[in-house]
Full PDB file with SEQRES, HELIX, SHEET, SSBOND, CRYST1, ORIGX, SCALE, CONECT and MASTER records, all heavy atoms in Angstrom:
SEQRES   1 A   36  SER ILE THR ALA TYR LYS ARG SER PHE HIS THR LEU PHE          
SEQRES   2 A   36  GLN VAL MET GLU GLU TYR ASN ALA LEU SER ALA LYS VAL          
SEQRES   3 A   36  ALA ASP ILE ASN LYS LYS ALA ASN ASN THR                      
HELIX    1 AA1 ILE A    2  ALA A    4  1                                   3    
HELIX    2 AA2 TYR A    5  PHE A    9  3                                   5    
HELIX    3 AA3 HIS A   10  ASN A   34  1                                  25    
CRYST1    1.000    1.000    1.000  90.00  90.00  90.00 P 1           1          
ORIGX1      1.000000  0.000000  0.000000        0.00000                         
ORIGX2      0.000000  1.000000  0.000000        0.00000                         
ORIGX3      0.000000  0.000000  1.000000        0.00000                         
SCALE1      1.000000  0.000000  0.000000        0.00000                         
SCALE2      0.000000  1.000000  0.000000        0.00000                         
SCALE3      0.000000  0.000000  1.000000        0.00000                         
ATOM      1  N   SER A   1      63.105 304.438  29.481  1.00  0.00           N  
ATOM      2  CA  SER A   1      63.991 304.936  28.505  1.00  0.00           C  
ATOM      3  C   SER A   1      64.618 303.727  27.835  1.00  0.00           C  
ATOM      4  O   SER A   1      64.755 303.770  26.474  1.00  0.00           O  
ATOM      5  CB  SER A   1      65.064 305.859  29.157  1.00  0.00           C  
ATOM      6  OG  SER A   1      64.344 306.967  29.696  1.00  0.00           O  
ATOM      7  N   ILE A   2      65.144 302.805  28.463  1.00  0.00           N  
ATOM      8  CA  ILE A   2      65.843 301.621  27.902  1.00  0.00           C  
ATOM      9  C   ILE A   2      64.892 300.916  27.037  1.00  0.00           C  
ATOM     10  O   ILE A   2      65.181 300.475  25.753  1.00  0.00           O  
ATOM     11  CB  ILE A   2      66.541 300.744  28.916  1.00  0.00           C  
ATOM     12  CG1 ILE A   2      67.617 301.569  29.585  1.00  0.00           C  
ATOM     13  CG2 ILE A   2      66.976 299.446  28.366  1.00  0.00           C  
ATOM     14  CD1 ILE A   2      68.189 300.820  30.770  1.00  0.00           C  
ATOM     15  N   THR A   3      63.674 300.654  27.422  1.00  0.00           N  
ATOM     16  CA  THR A   3      62.620 299.992  26.676  1.00  0.00           C  
ATOM     17  C   THR A   3      62.340 300.657  25.429  1.00  0.00           C  
ATOM     18  O   THR A   3      62.165 300.200  24.355  1.00  0.00           O  
ATOM     19  CB  THR A   3      61.382 299.616  27.529  1.00  0.00           C  
ATOM     20  OG1 THR A   3      61.751 299.015  28.692  1.00  0.00           O  
ATOM     21  CG2 THR A   3      60.416 298.825  26.761  1.00  0.00           C  
ATOM     22  N   ALA A   4      62.075 302.008  25.594  1.00  0.00           N  
ATOM     23  CA  ALA A   4      61.748 302.906  24.360  1.00  0.00           C  
ATOM     24  C   ALA A   4      62.935 302.842  23.402  1.00  0.00           C  
ATOM     25  O   ALA A   4      62.652 302.841  22.249  1.00  0.00           O  
ATOM     26  CB  ALA A   4      61.456 304.311  24.903  1.00  0.00           C  
ATOM     27  N   TYR A   5      64.150 302.860  23.866  1.00  0.00           N  
ATOM     28  CA  TYR A   5      65.217 302.936  22.948  1.00  0.00           C  
ATOM     29  C   TYR A   5      65.340 301.564  22.223  1.00  0.00           C  
ATOM     30  O   TYR A   5      65.495 301.570  20.921  1.00  0.00           O  
ATOM     31  CB  TYR A   5      66.603 303.101  23.754  1.00  0.00           C  
ATOM     32  CG  TYR A   5      67.753 302.950  22.907  1.00  0.00           C  
ATOM     33  CD1 TYR A   5      68.215 303.899  22.043  1.00  0.00           C  
ATOM     34  CD2 TYR A   5      68.547 301.737  22.879  1.00  0.00           C  
ATOM     35  CE1 TYR A   5      69.362 303.695  21.276  1.00  0.00           C  
ATOM     36  CE2 TYR A   5      69.739 301.608  22.134  1.00  0.00           C  
ATOM     37  CZ  TYR A   5      70.123 302.610  21.317  1.00  0.00           C  
ATOM     38  OH  TYR A   5      71.139 302.368  20.465  1.00  0.00           O  
ATOM     39  N   LYS A   6      65.120 300.457  22.950  1.00  0.00           N  
ATOM     40  CA  LYS A   6      65.240 299.216  22.305  1.00  0.00           C  
ATOM     41  C   LYS A   6      64.163 298.961  21.300  1.00  0.00           C  
ATOM     42  O   LYS A   6      64.280 298.359  20.214  1.00  0.00           O  
ATOM     43  CB  LYS A   6      65.204 297.937  23.323  1.00  0.00           C  
ATOM     44  CG  LYS A   6      66.510 297.797  23.928  1.00  0.00           C  
ATOM     45  CD  LYS A   6      66.610 296.712  24.850  1.00  0.00           C  
ATOM     46  CE  LYS A   6      67.911 296.407  25.454  1.00  0.00           C  
ATOM     47  NZ  LYS A   6      67.997 295.198  26.227  1.00  0.00           N  
ATOM     48  N   ARG A   7      62.888 299.389  21.622  1.00  0.00           N  
ATOM     49  CA  ARG A   7      61.770 299.196  20.762  1.00  0.00           C  
ATOM     50  C   ARG A   7      61.633 300.188  19.625  1.00  0.00           C  
ATOM     51  O   ARG A   7      61.258 299.724  18.546  1.00  0.00           O  
ATOM     52  CB  ARG A   7      60.426 299.144  21.569  1.00  0.00           C  
ATOM     53  CG  ARG A   7      60.425 298.104  22.622  1.00  0.00           C  
ATOM     54  CD  ARG A   7      59.073 297.957  23.003  1.00  0.00           C  
ATOM     55  NE  ARG A   7      58.911 296.500  22.737  1.00  0.00           N  
ATOM     56  CZ  ARG A   7      57.695 295.953  22.749  1.00  0.00           C  
ATOM     57  NH1 ARG A   7      56.676 296.587  22.728  1.00  0.00           N  
ATOM     58  NH2 ARG A   7      57.634 294.713  22.580  1.00  0.00           N  
ATOM     59  N   SER A   8      61.953 301.443  19.870  1.00  0.00           N  
ATOM     60  CA  SER A   8      61.714 302.406  18.793  1.00  0.00           C  
ATOM     61  C   SER A   8      63.122 303.042  18.241  1.00  0.00           C  
ATOM     62  O   SER A   8      63.274 302.922  16.987  1.00  0.00           O  
ATOM     63  CB  SER A   8      60.967 303.611  19.382  1.00  0.00           C  
ATOM     64  OG  SER A   8      59.684 303.064  19.733  1.00  0.00           O  
ATOM     65  N   PHE A   9      63.814 303.580  19.016  1.00  0.00           N  
ATOM     66  CA  PHE A   9      65.010 304.354  18.558  1.00  0.00           C  
ATOM     67  C   PHE A   9      66.161 303.531  17.941  1.00  0.00           C  
ATOM     68  O   PHE A   9      66.718 303.896  16.950  1.00  0.00           O  
ATOM     69  CB  PHE A   9      65.557 305.243  19.713  1.00  0.00           C  
ATOM     70  CG  PHE A   9      64.573 306.267  20.139  1.00  0.00           C  
ATOM     71  CD1 PHE A   9      63.998 306.143  21.488  1.00  0.00           C  
ATOM     72  CD2 PHE A   9      64.125 307.329  19.333  1.00  0.00           C  
ATOM     73  CE1 PHE A   9      63.149 307.025  21.881  1.00  0.00           C  
ATOM     74  CE2 PHE A   9      63.264 308.132  19.809  1.00  0.00           C  
ATOM     75  CZ  PHE A   9      62.736 308.161  21.077  1.00  0.00           C  
ATOM     76  N   HIS A  10      66.350 302.311  18.554  1.00  0.00           N  
ATOM     77  CA  HIS A  10      67.385 301.401  18.037  1.00  0.00           C  
ATOM     78  C   HIS A  10      67.096 301.013  16.587  1.00  0.00           C  
ATOM     79  O   HIS A  10      67.949 301.112  15.645  1.00  0.00           O  
ATOM     80  CB  HIS A  10      67.534 300.250  19.013  1.00  0.00           C  
ATOM     81  CG  HIS A  10      68.588 299.225  18.415  1.00  0.00           C  
ATOM     82  ND1 HIS A  10      69.873 299.600  18.425  1.00  0.00           N  
ATOM     83  CD2 HIS A  10      68.478 297.973  17.916  1.00  0.00           C  
ATOM     84  CE1 HIS A  10      70.614 298.549  17.995  1.00  0.00           C  
ATOM     85  NE2 HIS A  10      69.727 297.591  17.636  1.00  0.00           N  
ATOM     86  N   THR A  11      65.768 300.681  16.355  1.00  0.00           N  
ATOM     87  CA  THR A  11      65.274 300.339  14.973  1.00  0.00           C  
ATOM     88  C   THR A  11      65.465 301.489  14.047  1.00  0.00           C  
ATOM     89  O   THR A  11      65.865 301.386  12.916  1.00  0.00           O  
ATOM     90  CB  THR A  11      63.922 299.858  15.127  1.00  0.00           C  
ATOM     91  OG1 THR A  11      63.854 298.771  16.104  1.00  0.00           O  
ATOM     92  CG2 THR A  11      63.477 299.215  13.678  1.00  0.00           C  
ATOM     93  N   LEU A  12      65.042 302.624  14.576  1.00  0.00           N  
ATOM     94  CA  LEU A  12      65.161 303.908  13.743  1.00  0.00           C  
ATOM     95  C   LEU A  12      66.654 304.243  13.344  1.00  0.00           C  
ATOM     96  O   LEU A  12      66.959 304.495  12.182  1.00  0.00           O  
ATOM     97  CB  LEU A  12      64.643 305.107  14.560  1.00  0.00           C  
ATOM     98  CG  LEU A  12      64.764 306.544  13.823  1.00  0.00           C  
ATOM     99  CD1 LEU A  12      63.806 306.498  12.733  1.00  0.00           C  
ATOM    100  CD2 LEU A  12      64.396 307.562  14.828  1.00  0.00           C  
ATOM    101  N   PHE A  13      67.529 304.026  14.229  1.00  0.00           N  
ATOM    102  CA  PHE A  13      68.944 304.307  13.831  1.00  0.00           C  
ATOM    103  C   PHE A  13      69.414 303.141  12.825  1.00  0.00           C  
ATOM    104  O   PHE A  13      70.147 303.621  11.951  1.00  0.00           O  
ATOM    105  CB  PHE A  13      69.843 304.183  15.116  1.00  0.00           C  
ATOM    106  CG  PHE A  13      69.596 305.415  16.093  1.00  0.00           C  
ATOM    107  CD1 PHE A  13      69.583 305.267  17.413  1.00  0.00           C  
ATOM    108  CD2 PHE A  13      69.384 306.601  15.569  1.00  0.00           C  
ATOM    109  CE1 PHE A  13      69.387 306.213  18.351  1.00  0.00           C  
ATOM    110  CE2 PHE A  13      69.153 307.758  16.407  1.00  0.00           C  
ATOM    111  CZ  PHE A  13      69.103 307.581  17.850  1.00  0.00           C  
ATOM    112  N   GLN A  14      69.060 302.019  12.947  1.00  0.00           N  
ATOM    113  CA  GLN A  14      69.392 301.059  11.991  1.00  0.00           C  
ATOM    114  C   GLN A  14      68.803 301.412  10.547  1.00  0.00           C  
ATOM    115  O   GLN A  14      69.515 301.134   9.522  1.00  0.00           O  
ATOM    116  CB  GLN A  14      68.881 299.570  12.393  1.00  0.00           C  
ATOM    117  CG  GLN A  14      69.757 298.962  13.516  1.00  0.00           C  
ATOM    118  CD  GLN A  14      69.173 297.615  13.998  1.00  0.00           C  
ATOM    119  OE1 GLN A  14      67.975 297.335  13.713  1.00  0.00           O  
ATOM    120  NE2 GLN A  14      70.003 296.773  14.475  1.00  0.00           N  
ATOM    121  N   VAL A  15      67.422 301.739  10.535  1.00  0.00           N  
ATOM    122  CA  VAL A  15      66.905 302.118   9.380  1.00  0.00           C  
ATOM    123  C   VAL A  15      67.644 303.272   8.727  1.00  0.00           C  
ATOM    124  O   VAL A  15      67.832 303.414   7.501  1.00  0.00           O  
ATOM    125  CB  VAL A  15      65.487 302.403   9.531  1.00  0.00           C  
ATOM    126  CG1 VAL A  15      64.707 303.030   8.311  1.00  0.00           C  
ATOM    127  CG2 VAL A  15      64.626 301.179   9.893  1.00  0.00           C  
ATOM    128  N   MET A  16      67.975 304.231   9.474  1.00  0.00           N  
ATOM    129  CA  MET A  16      68.813 305.465   8.969  1.00  0.00           C  
ATOM    130  C   MET A  16      70.120 304.967   8.363  1.00  0.00           C  
ATOM    131  O   MET A  16      70.511 305.564   7.354  1.00  0.00           O  
ATOM    132  CB  MET A  16      68.893 306.502  10.138  1.00  0.00           C  
ATOM    133  CG  MET A  16      67.614 307.111  10.430  1.00  0.00           C  
ATOM    134  SD  MET A  16      67.803 308.322  11.836  1.00  0.00           S  
ATOM    135  CE  MET A  16      68.906 309.503  11.059  1.00  0.00           C  
ATOM    136  N   GLU A  17      70.757 304.062   9.043  1.00  0.00           N  
ATOM    137  CA  GLU A  17      72.140 303.676   8.571  1.00  0.00           C  
ATOM    138  C   GLU A  17      71.903 302.908   7.215  1.00  0.00           C  
ATOM    139  O   GLU A  17      72.713 303.148   6.276  1.00  0.00           O  
ATOM    140  CB  GLU A  17      72.744 302.706   9.546  1.00  0.00           C  
ATOM    141  CG  GLU A  17      73.383 303.342  10.708  1.00  0.00           C  
ATOM    142  CD  GLU A  17      74.012 302.374  11.789  1.00  0.00           C  
ATOM    143  OE1 GLU A  17      74.283 301.244  11.329  1.00  0.00           O  
ATOM    144  OE2 GLU A  17      74.044 302.682  12.913  1.00  0.00           O  
ATOM    145  N   GLU A  18      70.905 302.029   7.160  1.00  0.00           N  
ATOM    146  CA  GLU A  18      70.609 301.238   5.848  1.00  0.00           C  
ATOM    147  C   GLU A  18      70.267 302.261   4.830  1.00  0.00           C  
ATOM    148  O   GLU A  18      70.608 302.098   3.725  1.00  0.00           O  
ATOM    149  CB  GLU A  18      69.545 300.240   6.055  1.00  0.00           C  
ATOM    150  CG  GLU A  18      69.249 299.352   4.999  1.00  0.00           C  
ATOM    151  CD  GLU A  18      68.312 298.317   5.272  1.00  0.00           C  
ATOM    152  OE1 GLU A  18      68.026 298.016   6.482  1.00  0.00           O  
ATOM    153  OE2 GLU A  18      67.820 297.544   4.279  1.00  0.00           O  
ATOM    154  N   TYR A  19      69.475 303.350   5.145  1.00  0.00           N  
ATOM    155  CA  TYR A  19      68.971 304.287   4.072  1.00  0.00           C  
ATOM    156  C   TYR A  19      70.294 305.025   3.524  1.00  0.00           C  
ATOM    157  O   TYR A  19      70.326 305.270   2.341  1.00  0.00           O  
ATOM    158  CB  TYR A  19      68.071 305.324   4.776  1.00  0.00           C  
ATOM    159  CG  TYR A  19      67.718 306.431   3.896  1.00  0.00           C  
ATOM    160  CD1 TYR A  19      66.859 306.317   2.823  1.00  0.00           C  
ATOM    161  CD2 TYR A  19      68.372 307.679   4.098  1.00  0.00           C  
ATOM    162  CE1 TYR A  19      66.546 307.459   1.997  1.00  0.00           C  
ATOM    163  CE2 TYR A  19      68.003 308.826   3.229  1.00  0.00           C  
ATOM    164  CZ  TYR A  19      67.205 308.677   2.232  1.00  0.00           C  
ATOM    165  OH  TYR A  19      66.923 309.698   1.400  1.00  0.00           O  
ATOM    166  N   ASN A  20      71.171 305.403   4.389  1.00  0.00           N  
ATOM    167  CA  ASN A  20      72.410 306.071   3.956  1.00  0.00           C  
ATOM    168  C   ASN A  20      73.280 305.148   3.047  1.00  0.00           C  
ATOM    169  O   ASN A  20      73.782 305.595   2.030  1.00  0.00           O  
ATOM    170  CB  ASN A  20      73.151 306.614   5.163  1.00  0.00           C  
ATOM    171  CG  ASN A  20      72.480 307.825   5.851  1.00  0.00           C  
ATOM    172  OD1 ASN A  20      71.730 308.464   5.265  1.00  0.00           O  
ATOM    173  ND2 ASN A  20      72.886 307.930   7.221  1.00  0.00           N  
ATOM    174  N   ALA A  21      73.340 303.978   3.409  1.00  0.00           N  
ATOM    175  CA  ALA A  21      74.154 302.891   2.554  1.00  0.00           C  
ATOM    176  C   ALA A  21      73.460 302.721   1.225  1.00  0.00           C  
ATOM    177  O   ALA A  21      74.050 302.851   0.217  1.00  0.00           O  
ATOM    178  CB  ALA A  21      74.304 301.694   3.251  1.00  0.00           C  
ATOM    179  N   LEU A  22      72.110 302.635   1.235  1.00  0.00           N  
ATOM    180  CA  LEU A  22      71.457 302.483  -0.027  1.00  0.00           C  
ATOM    181  C   LEU A  22      71.495 303.779  -0.911  1.00  0.00           C  
ATOM    182  O   LEU A  22      71.503 303.681  -2.097  1.00  0.00           O  
ATOM    183  CB  LEU A  22      69.994 301.937   0.210  1.00  0.00           C  
ATOM    184  CG  LEU A  22      69.787 300.557   0.793  1.00  0.00           C  
ATOM    185  CD1 LEU A  22      68.274 300.400   1.074  1.00  0.00           C  
ATOM    186  CD2 LEU A  22      70.330 299.583  -0.211  1.00  0.00           C  
ATOM    187  N   SER A  23      71.432 304.945  -0.260  1.00  0.00           N  
ATOM    188  CA  SER A  23      71.524 306.149  -0.994  1.00  0.00           C  
ATOM    189  C   SER A  23      72.900 306.194  -1.582  1.00  0.00           C  
ATOM    190  O   SER A  23      72.974 306.794  -2.727  1.00  0.00           O  
ATOM    191  CB  SER A  23      71.252 307.345   0.019  1.00  0.00           C  
ATOM    192  OG  SER A  23      70.000 307.388   0.438  1.00  0.00           O  
ATOM    193  N   ALA A  24      73.928 305.881  -0.923  1.00  0.00           N  
ATOM    194  CA  ALA A  24      75.280 305.839  -1.644  1.00  0.00           C  
ATOM    195  C   ALA A  24      75.364 304.921  -2.806  1.00  0.00           C  
ATOM    196  O   ALA A  24      75.902 305.218  -3.816  1.00  0.00           O  
ATOM    197  CB  ALA A  24      76.312 305.415  -0.451  1.00  0.00           C  
ATOM    198  N   LYS A  25      74.656 303.768  -2.669  1.00  0.00           N  
ATOM    199  CA  LYS A  25      74.642 302.767  -3.809  1.00  0.00           C  
ATOM    200  C   LYS A  25      73.919 303.373  -5.035  1.00  0.00           C  
ATOM    201  O   LYS A  25      74.340 303.185  -6.072  1.00  0.00           O  
ATOM    202  CB  LYS A  25      74.028 301.490  -3.420  1.00  0.00           C  
ATOM    203  CG  LYS A  25      74.939 300.540  -2.524  1.00  0.00           C  
ATOM    204  CD  LYS A  25      74.357 299.297  -2.169  1.00  0.00           C  
ATOM    205  CE  LYS A  25      75.303 298.405  -1.271  1.00  0.00           C  
ATOM    206  NZ  LYS A  25      74.629 297.077  -0.923  1.00  0.00           N  
ATOM    207  N   VAL A  26      72.720 303.960  -4.728  1.00  0.00           N  
ATOM    208  CA  VAL A  26      72.026 304.593  -5.749  1.00  0.00           C  
ATOM    209  C   VAL A  26      72.760 305.786  -6.483  1.00  0.00           C  
ATOM    210  O   VAL A  26      72.721 305.842  -7.678  1.00  0.00           O  
ATOM    211  CB  VAL A  26      70.691 305.188  -5.257  1.00  0.00           C  
ATOM    212  CG1 VAL A  26      69.950 306.151  -6.177  1.00  0.00           C  
ATOM    213  CG2 VAL A  26      69.722 304.041  -4.889  1.00  0.00           C  
ATOM    214  N   ALA A  27      73.484 306.622  -5.706  1.00  0.00           N  
ATOM    215  CA  ALA A  27      74.291 307.627  -6.323  1.00  0.00           C  
ATOM    216  C   ALA A  27      75.472 306.942  -7.161  1.00  0.00           C  
ATOM    217  O   ALA A  27      75.746 307.487  -8.229  1.00  0.00           O  
ATOM    218  CB  ALA A  27      74.910 308.451  -5.188  1.00  0.00           C  
ATOM    219  N   ASP A  28      76.093 305.900  -6.816  1.00  0.00           N  
ATOM    220  CA  ASP A  28      77.137 305.232  -7.502  1.00  0.00           C  
ATOM    221  C   ASP A  28      76.504 304.633  -8.763  1.00  0.00           C  
ATOM    222  O   ASP A  28      77.046 304.733  -9.918  1.00  0.00           O  
ATOM    223  CB  ASP A  28      77.674 304.068  -6.661  1.00  0.00           C  
ATOM    224  CG  ASP A  28      78.889 303.485  -7.242  1.00  0.00           C  
ATOM    225  OD1 ASP A  28      79.771 304.205  -7.956  1.00  0.00           O  
ATOM    226  OD2 ASP A  28      78.990 302.196  -7.293  1.00  0.00           O  
ATOM    227  N   ILE A  29      75.320 303.958  -8.761  1.00  0.00           N  
ATOM    228  CA  ILE A  29      74.670 303.390 -10.018  1.00  0.00           C  
ATOM    229  C   ILE A  29      74.381 304.636 -10.954  1.00  0.00           C  
ATOM    230  O   ILE A  29      74.465 304.411 -12.108  1.00  0.00           O  
ATOM    231  CB  ILE A  29      73.430 302.595  -9.560  1.00  0.00           C  
ATOM    232  CG1 ILE A  29      73.840 301.416  -8.820  1.00  0.00           C  
ATOM    233  CG2 ILE A  29      72.549 302.339 -10.810  1.00  0.00           C  
ATOM    234  CD1 ILE A  29      72.675 300.561  -8.242  1.00  0.00           C  
ATOM    235  N   ASN A  30      73.781 305.722 -10.424  1.00  0.00           N  
ATOM    236  CA  ASN A  30      73.511 306.883 -11.314  1.00  0.00           C  
ATOM    237  C   ASN A  30      74.695 307.415 -11.929  1.00  0.00           C  
ATOM    238  O   ASN A  30      74.750 307.798 -13.083  1.00  0.00           O  
ATOM    239  CB  ASN A  30      72.784 307.908 -10.472  1.00  0.00           C  
ATOM    240  CG  ASN A  30      71.286 307.472 -10.142  1.00  0.00           C  
ATOM    241  OD1 ASN A  30      70.771 306.706 -10.812  1.00  0.00           O  
ATOM    242  ND2 ASN A  30      70.813 308.108  -9.196  1.00  0.00           N  
ATOM    243  N   LYS A  31      75.882 307.454 -11.197  1.00  0.00           N  
ATOM    244  CA  LYS A  31      77.054 307.900 -11.728  1.00  0.00           C  
ATOM    245  C   LYS A  31      77.567 307.043 -12.770  1.00  0.00           C  
ATOM    246  O   LYS A  31      77.963 307.483 -13.840  1.00  0.00           O  
ATOM    247  CB  LYS A  31      78.147 307.950 -10.611  1.00  0.00           C  
ATOM    248  CG  LYS A  31      79.501 308.419 -11.113  1.00  0.00           C  
ATOM    249  CD  LYS A  31      80.495 308.502  -9.876  1.00  0.00           C  
ATOM    250  CE  LYS A  31      81.824 308.784 -10.347  1.00  0.00           C  
ATOM    251  NZ  LYS A  31      82.802 308.595  -9.174  1.00  0.00           N  
ATOM    252  N   LYS A  32      77.445 305.721 -12.591  1.00  0.00           N  
ATOM    253  CA  LYS A  32      77.836 304.803 -13.707  1.00  0.00           C  
ATOM    254  C   LYS A  32      76.964 304.822 -14.871  1.00  0.00           C  
ATOM    255  O   LYS A  32      77.333 304.795 -16.073  1.00  0.00           O  
ATOM    256  CB  LYS A  32      77.876 303.284 -13.185  1.00  0.00           C  
ATOM    257  CG  LYS A  32      79.108 303.077 -12.195  1.00  0.00           C  
ATOM    258  CD  LYS A  32      78.997 301.725 -11.581  1.00  0.00           C  
ATOM    259  CE  LYS A  32      80.171 301.575 -10.580  1.00  0.00           C  
ATOM    260  NZ  LYS A  32      80.152 300.146  -9.978  1.00  0.00           N  
ATOM    261  N   ALA A  33      75.619 304.992 -14.715  1.00  0.00           N  
ATOM    262  CA  ALA A  33      74.639 305.137 -15.808  1.00  0.00           C  
ATOM    263  C   ALA A  33      74.899 306.419 -16.658  1.00  0.00           C  
ATOM    264  O   ALA A  33      74.843 306.342 -17.853  1.00  0.00           O  
ATOM    265  CB  ALA A  33      73.259 305.134 -15.278  1.00  0.00           C  
ATOM    266  N   ASN A  34      75.328 307.530 -15.945  1.00  0.00           N  
ATOM    267  CA  ASN A  34      75.671 308.677 -16.686  1.00  0.00           C  
ATOM    268  C   ASN A  34      76.995 308.553 -17.416  1.00  0.00           C  
ATOM    269  O   ASN A  34      77.111 309.134 -18.525  1.00  0.00           O  
ATOM    270  CB  ASN A  34      75.776 309.858 -15.721  1.00  0.00           C  
ATOM    271  CG  ASN A  34      74.470 310.295 -15.138  1.00  0.00           C  
ATOM    272  OD1 ASN A  34      73.432 310.004 -15.689  1.00  0.00           O  
ATOM    273  ND2 ASN A  34      74.539 310.962 -14.064  1.00  0.00           N  
ATOM    274  N   ASN A  35      77.821 307.642 -17.028  1.00  0.00           N  
ATOM    275  CA  ASN A  35      79.150 307.512 -17.742  1.00  0.00           C  
ATOM    276  C   ASN A  35      78.979 306.546 -18.933  1.00  0.00           C  
ATOM    277  O   ASN A  35      79.798 306.612 -19.816  1.00  0.00           O  
ATOM    278  CB  ASN A  35      80.127 306.702 -16.709  1.00  0.00           C  
ATOM    279  CG  ASN A  35      81.470 306.745 -17.216  1.00  0.00           C  
ATOM    280  OD1 ASN A  35      81.880 307.615 -17.960  1.00  0.00           O  
ATOM    281  ND2 ASN A  35      82.301 305.843 -16.825  1.00  0.00           N  
ATOM    282  N   THR A  36      77.816 305.868 -19.167  1.00  0.00           N  
ATOM    283  CA  THR A  36      77.543 305.028 -20.285  1.00  0.00           C  
ATOM    284  C   THR A  36      77.542 305.860 -21.554  1.00  0.00           C  
ATOM    285  O   THR A  36      77.961 305.404 -22.665  1.00  0.00           O  
ATOM    286  CB  THR A  36      76.392 304.182 -20.215  1.00  0.00           C  
ATOM    287  OG1 THR A  36      75.134 305.008 -20.043  1.00  0.00           O  
ATOM    288  CG2 THR A  36      76.506 303.155 -19.071  1.00  0.00           C  
TER     289      THR A  36                                                      
MASTER        0    0    0    3    0    0    0    6  288    1    0    3          
END                                                                             
């Protein structure tokens, strides 16, 4: 379980966090583009 977490699930959680942060940035950029 620890090996599976370190090899698969830990990376998955990091990718999900990065995806959420990038999605927030995209939403912010789109909001600014609509404001132009």
